[in-house]
Protein backbone atom coordinates (compact mmCIF):
# COMPACT_ATOMS: atom_id res chain seq x y z
CA MET A 1 100.04 104.54 70.45
CA GLU A 2 98.62 101.55 68.59
CA ILE A 3 95.01 100.63 69.30
CA ASN A 4 94.62 97.26 71.00
CA PRO A 5 92.07 95.30 68.91
CA ASN A 6 90.74 93.70 72.12
CA LEU A 7 89.51 97.02 73.49
CA SER A 8 85.77 97.68 73.55
CA GLU A 9 84.28 100.40 71.35
CA LYS A 10 83.96 102.60 74.43
CA ALA A 11 87.63 102.08 75.29
CA LYS A 12 88.67 102.78 71.67
CA TYR A 13 86.78 106.09 71.78
CA ASP A 14 88.49 106.91 75.09
CA LEU A 15 91.81 106.22 73.41
CA GLU A 16 91.00 108.73 70.66
CA LEU A 17 90.29 111.30 73.40
CA VAL A 18 93.59 110.43 75.09
CA HIS A 19 95.39 111.03 71.77
CA GLY A 20 93.73 114.43 71.62
CA ALA A 21 94.57 115.21 75.25
CA VAL A 22 98.25 114.34 74.72
CA LYS A 23 98.28 116.82 71.81
CA GLY A 24 96.81 119.48 74.12
CA ASP A 25 93.15 119.35 73.07
CA GLN A 26 91.32 120.85 76.07
CA LYS A 27 87.95 119.54 74.86
CA ALA A 28 89.35 116.00 75.00
CA TYR A 29 90.35 116.52 78.63
CA ALA A 30 86.91 117.90 79.45
CA GLU A 31 85.14 115.00 77.72
CA LEU A 32 87.24 112.38 79.50
CA MET A 33 86.41 114.02 82.80
CA GLY A 34 82.72 114.20 81.91
CA ARG A 35 82.62 110.51 81.03
CA TYR A 36 84.12 109.31 84.30
CA ARG A 37 83.76 111.98 86.99
CA ASP A 38 80.53 110.57 88.48
CA ALA A 39 81.75 106.96 88.40
CA ILE A 40 85.04 107.90 90.07
CA TYR A 41 83.24 110.02 92.65
CA PHE A 42 80.81 107.26 93.67
CA MET A 43 83.60 104.67 93.85
CA LEU A 44 85.60 106.96 96.14
CA LEU A 45 82.51 107.82 98.19
CA LYS A 46 82.09 104.11 98.98
CA MET A 47 85.74 103.96 100.06
CA VAL A 48 85.84 107.04 102.30
CA ASN A 49 82.13 107.41 103.22
CA ASN A 50 82.50 111.20 103.20
CA LYS A 51 81.18 113.41 100.40
CA SER A 52 83.69 116.22 100.89
CA ASP A 53 86.69 113.84 100.91
CA ALA A 54 85.29 112.00 97.88
CA GLU A 55 84.97 115.28 95.95
CA ASP A 56 88.53 116.29 96.84
CA LEU A 57 89.90 112.86 95.91
CA THR A 58 88.03 112.92 92.60
CA ILE A 59 89.72 116.20 91.70
CA GLU A 60 93.10 114.77 92.74
CA ALA A 61 92.58 111.59 90.70
CA PHE A 62 91.84 113.47 87.48
CA GLY A 63 94.66 115.90 88.20
CA LYS A 64 97.16 113.05 88.52
CA ALA A 65 95.79 111.25 85.47
CA PHE A 66 95.91 114.35 83.25
CA LYS A 67 99.36 115.30 84.49
CA ASN A 68 100.70 111.81 83.66
CA ILE A 69 98.50 111.03 80.66
CA GLN A 70 101.53 110.46 78.41
CA GLN A 71 102.41 107.45 80.61
CA TYR A 72 99.11 105.74 79.79
CA SER A 73 99.52 102.51 77.82
CA PRO A 74 96.73 101.48 75.41
CA ASN A 75 97.28 97.82 76.30
CA TYR A 76 94.30 98.23 78.61
CA ALA A 77 91.33 100.58 78.82
CA PHE A 78 91.83 104.19 79.91
CA SER A 79 89.04 103.71 82.46
CA THR A 80 91.01 100.85 84.07
CA TRP A 81 94.09 103.09 84.36
CA LEU A 82 92.06 106.00 85.71
CA PHE A 83 90.24 103.91 88.32
CA LYS A 84 93.56 102.44 89.45
CA ILE A 85 95.01 105.94 89.94
CA ALA A 86 91.90 107.00 91.85
CA SER A 87 91.81 103.92 94.10
CA ASN A 88 95.56 104.00 94.84
CA ASN A 89 95.37 107.70 95.69
CA CYS A 90 92.40 107.00 97.96
CA ILE A 91 94.22 104.14 99.71
CA ASP A 92 97.16 106.48 100.38
CA PHE A 93 94.72 109.07 101.77
CA LEU A 94 93.10 106.52 104.10
CA ARG A 95 96.48 105.22 105.22
CA LYS A 96 97.68 108.72 106.10
CA LYS A 97 94.40 109.48 107.85
CA ARG A 98 94.68 106.28 109.86
CA THR A 99 98.28 107.07 110.81
CA ASN A 100 97.32 110.55 111.93
CA VAL A 101 94.65 109.32 114.35
CA VAL A 102 96.61 106.46 115.93
CA SER A 103 97.18 106.93 119.66
CA ILE A 104 100.67 107.66 120.93
CA ASP A 105 100.58 104.82 123.49
CA GLY A 106 100.10 102.35 120.63
CA ASN A 107 97.14 100.57 122.21
CA HIS A 108 95.70 98.55 119.34
CA GLY A 109 94.21 95.70 121.36
CA GLU A 110 90.95 95.74 119.46
CA GLU A 111 92.60 95.33 116.06
CA LYS A 112 92.78 91.97 114.34
CA GLU A 113 96.13 90.25 114.37
CA THR A 114 96.07 90.17 110.59
CA ASP A 115 96.14 93.99 110.42
CA ASN A 116 99.38 95.55 109.37
CA PRO A 117 101.23 97.16 112.28
CA ILE A 118 100.83 100.92 112.42
CA HIS A 119 104.00 102.95 112.70
CA LEU A 120 103.92 106.52 113.85
CA LYS A 121 105.41 108.87 111.31
CA ASP A 122 108.64 110.64 112.11
CA SER A 123 108.22 114.26 113.07
CA LEU A 124 110.23 115.17 109.98
CA PRO A 125 108.10 115.08 106.80
CA ASP A 126 109.11 112.92 103.86
CA PRO A 127 111.23 115.07 101.46
CA GLU A 128 109.35 113.89 98.35
CA GLU A 129 105.99 114.51 100.02
CA THR A 130 107.11 117.99 101.07
CA MET A 131 108.25 118.80 97.53
CA ILE A 132 104.94 117.60 96.04
CA LYS A 133 102.99 119.67 98.57
CA GLU A 134 105.09 122.75 97.81
CA GLN A 135 104.64 122.34 94.04
CA LYS A 136 100.91 121.80 94.49
CA ALA A 137 100.65 124.85 96.76
CA ILE A 138 102.47 127.08 94.24
CA LEU A 139 100.26 125.86 91.39
CA MET A 140 97.09 126.12 93.47
CA ARG A 141 97.86 129.63 94.69
CA THR A 142 98.70 130.79 91.17
CA VAL A 143 95.50 129.30 89.81
CA VAL A 144 93.29 130.41 92.71
CA LYS A 145 94.21 134.04 92.04
CA LYS A 146 92.33 133.73 88.74
CA LEU A 147 89.04 132.89 90.48
CA LYS A 148 86.43 135.45 91.48
CA PRO A 149 87.00 136.85 95.01
CA ARG A 150 84.10 134.95 96.63
CA TYR A 151 85.35 131.62 95.23
CA ARG A 152 88.98 132.45 96.00
CA ILE A 153 88.17 133.08 99.67
CA LEU A 154 86.26 129.80 99.93
CA ILE A 155 89.09 127.77 98.36
CA GLU A 156 91.71 129.44 100.53
CA LEU A 157 89.76 128.77 103.73
CA ARG A 158 88.95 125.17 102.79
CA TYR A 159 92.22 124.00 101.27
CA PHE A 160 94.95 126.31 102.56
CA LYS A 161 93.66 126.93 106.10
CA GLU A 162 91.77 123.60 106.24
CA TYR A 163 88.59 125.07 107.72
CA SER A 164 85.55 122.81 108.08
CA TYR A 165 82.32 123.76 106.31
CA GLU A 166 80.91 124.90 109.64
CA GLU A 167 83.95 127.11 110.35
CA ILE A 168 83.71 128.69 106.89
CA SER A 169 80.00 129.31 107.49
CA GLU A 170 80.81 131.14 110.72
CA GLU A 171 83.79 133.02 109.28
CA LEU A 172 81.88 134.37 106.28
CA ASP A 173 78.49 134.58 108.01
CA LEU A 174 76.89 132.43 105.29
CA PRO A 175 74.33 129.60 105.57
CA LEU A 176 75.94 126.15 105.55
CA GLY A 177 74.05 125.17 102.40
CA THR A 178 75.35 128.24 100.58
CA VAL A 179 78.92 127.44 101.61
CA LYS A 180 78.64 123.87 100.30
CA ALA A 181 77.00 124.95 97.02
CA GLN A 182 79.54 127.71 96.36
CA LEU A 183 82.45 125.45 97.28
CA PHE A 184 81.18 122.85 94.82
CA ARG A 185 81.11 125.53 92.11
CA ALA A 186 84.51 126.82 93.19
CA ARG A 187 85.95 123.28 92.92
CA GLU A 188 84.63 122.95 89.37
CA LEU A 189 86.14 126.30 88.36
CA LEU A 190 89.41 125.43 90.08
CA PHE A 191 89.58 122.03 88.43
CA ASN A 192 88.96 123.46 84.98
CA THR A 193 91.71 126.03 85.50
CA LEU A 194 94.10 123.38 86.86
CA LYS A 195 93.28 121.16 83.89
CA ASN A 196 94.09 123.98 81.50
CA SER A 197 97.33 124.67 83.38
CA ASP A 198 98.36 121.02 82.93
CA VAL A 199 97.54 121.18 79.22
CA LYS A 200 99.91 124.08 78.75
CA LYS A 201 102.77 122.01 80.19
CA HIS A 202 102.66 119.51 77.33
């Protein structure tokens, strides 16, 4: 990768970290995440208006970026590339969410005419989507086993069984605040382990 002379000093430093990440430097991955995690999170929070979804989408955005970091081109800033991945992933999430809640009778009278028509998904899942989900599930389950039991249970209930915070609170007989705090910690541990798993692939 040649450094674009038009990049800012901040972007040039990011590029050095990307070089390190491509070579498998785990500290470079961690520093890139540290530099942009809050900014990505708050951007996504504005898009989805839900803290839990924003946290999940932040993890997904970094996961996708780190997995495909060798595809990054230094013609533009790493932050630009990262924010594009995050926003595109979020748009896909919102589109799927919108499709899932559309009524069967197709009554969209209140929608503006300029809106794109909503098509109900076929009952059969998209093959590529199914494959991605299966790969993600295998990786997640392998990684989750490395967590401490209390964190493992929380992750399994939240992400595999798709329990709400309230349902987890009832299931484990824990205060709601404790569930949220421990899940936040569990996400950080999970992300770090996933990040390290991706590093080993390069």
